[in-house]
C-alpha atoms as a PDB file:
ATOM      1  CA  MET A   1      -8.173  -5.783   3.407  1.00  0.00           C
ATOM      2  CA  SER A   2      -8.449  -1.863   3.691  1.00  0.00           C
ATOM      3  CA  ASP A   3      -7.917   0.495   0.663  1.00  0.00           C
ATOM      4  CA  CYS A   4      -3.949   2.037  -0.272  1.00  0.00           C
ATOM      5  CA  PRO A   5      -3.224   4.411   2.299  1.00  0.00           C
ATOM      6  CA  ARG A   6      -1.428   6.143  -0.662  1.00  0.00           C
ATOM      7  CA  CYS A   7      -4.181   6.407  -3.465  1.00  0.00           C
ATOM      8  CA  ARG A   8      -7.096   4.894  -1.559  1.00  0.00           C
ATOM      9  CA  THR A   9      -8.059   2.641  -4.234  1.00  0.00           C
ATOM     10  CA  ALA A  10      -9.126  -1.079  -3.367  1.00  0.00           C
ATOM     11  CA  GLU A  11      -6.757  -2.843  -5.716  1.00  0.00           C
ATOM     12  CA  ILE A  12      -4.537  -4.683  -3.021  1.00  0.00           C
ATOM     13  CA  ARG A  13      -3.114  -7.744  -2.894  1.00  0.00           C
ATOM     14  CA  THR A  14      -0.950  -9.661  -0.208  1.00  0.00           C
ATOM     15  CA  GLU A  15       2.792 -10.043  -0.997  1.00  0.00           C
ATOM     16  CA  TYR A  16       4.036 -11.672   1.967  1.00  0.00           C
ATOM     17  CA  GLN A  17       2.933 -12.832   5.342  1.00  0.00           C
ATOM     18  CA  GLY A  18       5.613 -12.609   8.214  1.00  0.00           C
ATOM     19  CA  ARG A  19       4.806 -15.568  10.599  1.00  0.00           C
ATOM     20  CA  GLU A  20       5.921 -16.465  14.147  1.00  0.00           C
ATOM     21  CA  GLY A  21       5.419 -20.653  14.111  1.00  0.00           C
ATOM     22  CA  LYS A  22       2.161 -20.716  12.462  1.00  0.00           C
ATOM     23  CA  GLN A  23       0.397 -17.845  13.188  1.00  0.00           C
ATOM     24  CA  VAL A  24       0.657 -14.603  10.817  1.00  0.00           C
ATOM     25  CA  VAL A  25       1.937 -11.806  12.782  1.00  0.00           C
ATOM     26  CA  TRP A  26       2.441  -9.031   9.641  1.00  0.00           C
ATOM     27  CA  THR A  27       1.702  -8.462   6.505  1.00  0.00           C
ATOM     28  CA  VAL A  28       3.091  -6.635   3.399  1.00  0.00           C
ATOM     29  CA  LEU A  29       0.266  -5.302   1.196  1.00  0.00           C
ATOM     30  CA  HIS A  30       0.968  -4.282  -2.469  1.00  0.00           C
ATOM     31  CA  CYS A  31      -1.166  -1.821  -4.339  1.00  0.00           C
ATOM     32  CA  MET A  32      -1.657  -2.795  -7.956  1.00  0.00           C
ATOM     33  CA  ARG A  33      -2.655   0.741  -9.007  1.00  0.00           C
ATOM     34  CA  CYS A  34       0.043   2.900  -7.717  1.00  0.00           C
ATOM     35  CA  SER A  35       3.013   0.496  -6.403  1.00  0.00           C
ATOM     36  CA  PHE A  36       2.939   1.182  -2.921  1.00  0.00           C
ATOM     37  CA  THR A  37       4.140  -1.350  -0.708  1.00  0.00           C
ATOM     38  CA  TRP A  38       3.297  -1.362   3.297  1.00  0.00           C
ATOM     39  CA  ARG A  39       3.016  -3.596   6.269  1.00  0.00           C
ATOM     40  CA  ASP A  40      -0.627  -3.537   7.895  1.00  0.00           C
ATOM     41  CA  ILE A  41       1.851  -3.084  10.945  1.00  0.00           C
ATOM     42  CA  GLU A  42       3.100   0.321  10.569  1.00  0.00           C
ATOM     43  CA  PRO A  43       2.018   3.302  12.327  1.00  0.00           C
ATOM     44  CA  PRO A  44      -1.062   5.429  11.395  1.00  0.00           C
ATOM     45  CA  ASP A  45       1.207   8.278  10.077  1.00  0.00           C
ATOM     46  CA  THR A  46       1.668   5.529   7.076  1.00  0.00           C
ATOM     47  CA  THR A  47      -0.995   3.606   6.936  1.00  0.00           C
ATOM     48  CA  VAL A  48      -4.108   6.092   7.612  1.00  0.00           C
ATOM     49  CA  PRO A  49      -4.650   8.616   4.529  1.00  0.00           C
ATOM     50  CA  GLU A  50      -5.993  11.388   7.010  1.00  0.00           C
ATOM     51  CA  LYS A  51      -2.621  11.201   9.209  1.00  0.00           C
ATOM     52  CA  ARG A  52       0.031  10.850   6.214  1.00  0.00           C
ATOM     53  CA  ASP A  53       1.721  13.976   4.879  1.00  0.00           C
ATOM     54  CA  PRO A  54      -0.654  14.898   1.919  1.00  0.00           C
ATOM     55  CA  PHE A  55       2.654  15.341  -0.059  1.00  0.00           C
ATOM     56  CA  PHE A  56       3.052  11.556  -0.067  1.00  0.00           C
ATOM     57  CA  ASN A  57      -0.359  10.728  -0.845  1.00  0.00           C
ATOM     58  CA  LEU A  58      -1.717  10.316  -5.061  1.00  0.00           C
ATOM     59  CA  ASN A  59      -4.834  10.933  -6.227  1.00  0.00           C
ATOM     60  CA  PRO A  60      -6.141   7.998  -8.132  1.00  0.00           C
ATOM     61  CA  ASP A  61      -7.746   9.642 -10.930  1.00  0.00           C
ATOM     62  CA  GLU A  62      -4.061  11.392 -11.731  1.00  0.00           C
ATOM     63  CA  ILE A  63      -1.964   8.431 -11.321  1.00  0.00           C
ATOM     64  CA  GLU A  64      -2.145   8.154 -15.538  1.00  0.00           C
ATOM     65  CA  LYS A  65      -0.195  11.739 -15.448  1.00  0.00           C
ATOM     66  CA  PHE A  66       3.067   9.809 -14.148  1.00  0.00           C
ATOM     67  CA  PRO A  67       5.455   8.452 -16.968  1.00  0.00           C
ATOM     68  CA  VAL A  68       6.726   5.186 -14.965  1.00  0.00           C
ATOM     69  CA  VAL A  69       4.611   3.064 -12.667  1.00  0.00           C
ATOM     70  CA  LEU A  70       6.888   0.299 -11.646  1.00  0.00           C
ATOM     71  CA  PRO A  71       5.257  -3.489 -11.892  1.00  0.00           C
ATOM     72  CA  PRO A  72       5.490  -5.791  -9.021  1.00  0.00           C
ATOM     73  CA  SER A  73       8.288  -8.216  -8.839  1.00  0.00           C
ATOM     74  CA  ASN A  74       7.636 -11.653  -9.170  1.00  0.00           C
END
């Protein structure tokens, strides 16, 4: 599993795996630090930090500046 594309931390968990039969064809990942959620099959402008619009990236050292980070749903 790679780092979060948004904040680059490694606090990632698997939320869901899409399957065709018994084969996993995509996975939904969730960052426990910034709450960003993405599928591993998203295009590079979503999953590669250097290709993402910088406006949508976060500095992991500044996350505490945001008043609310939504917890993952159960």
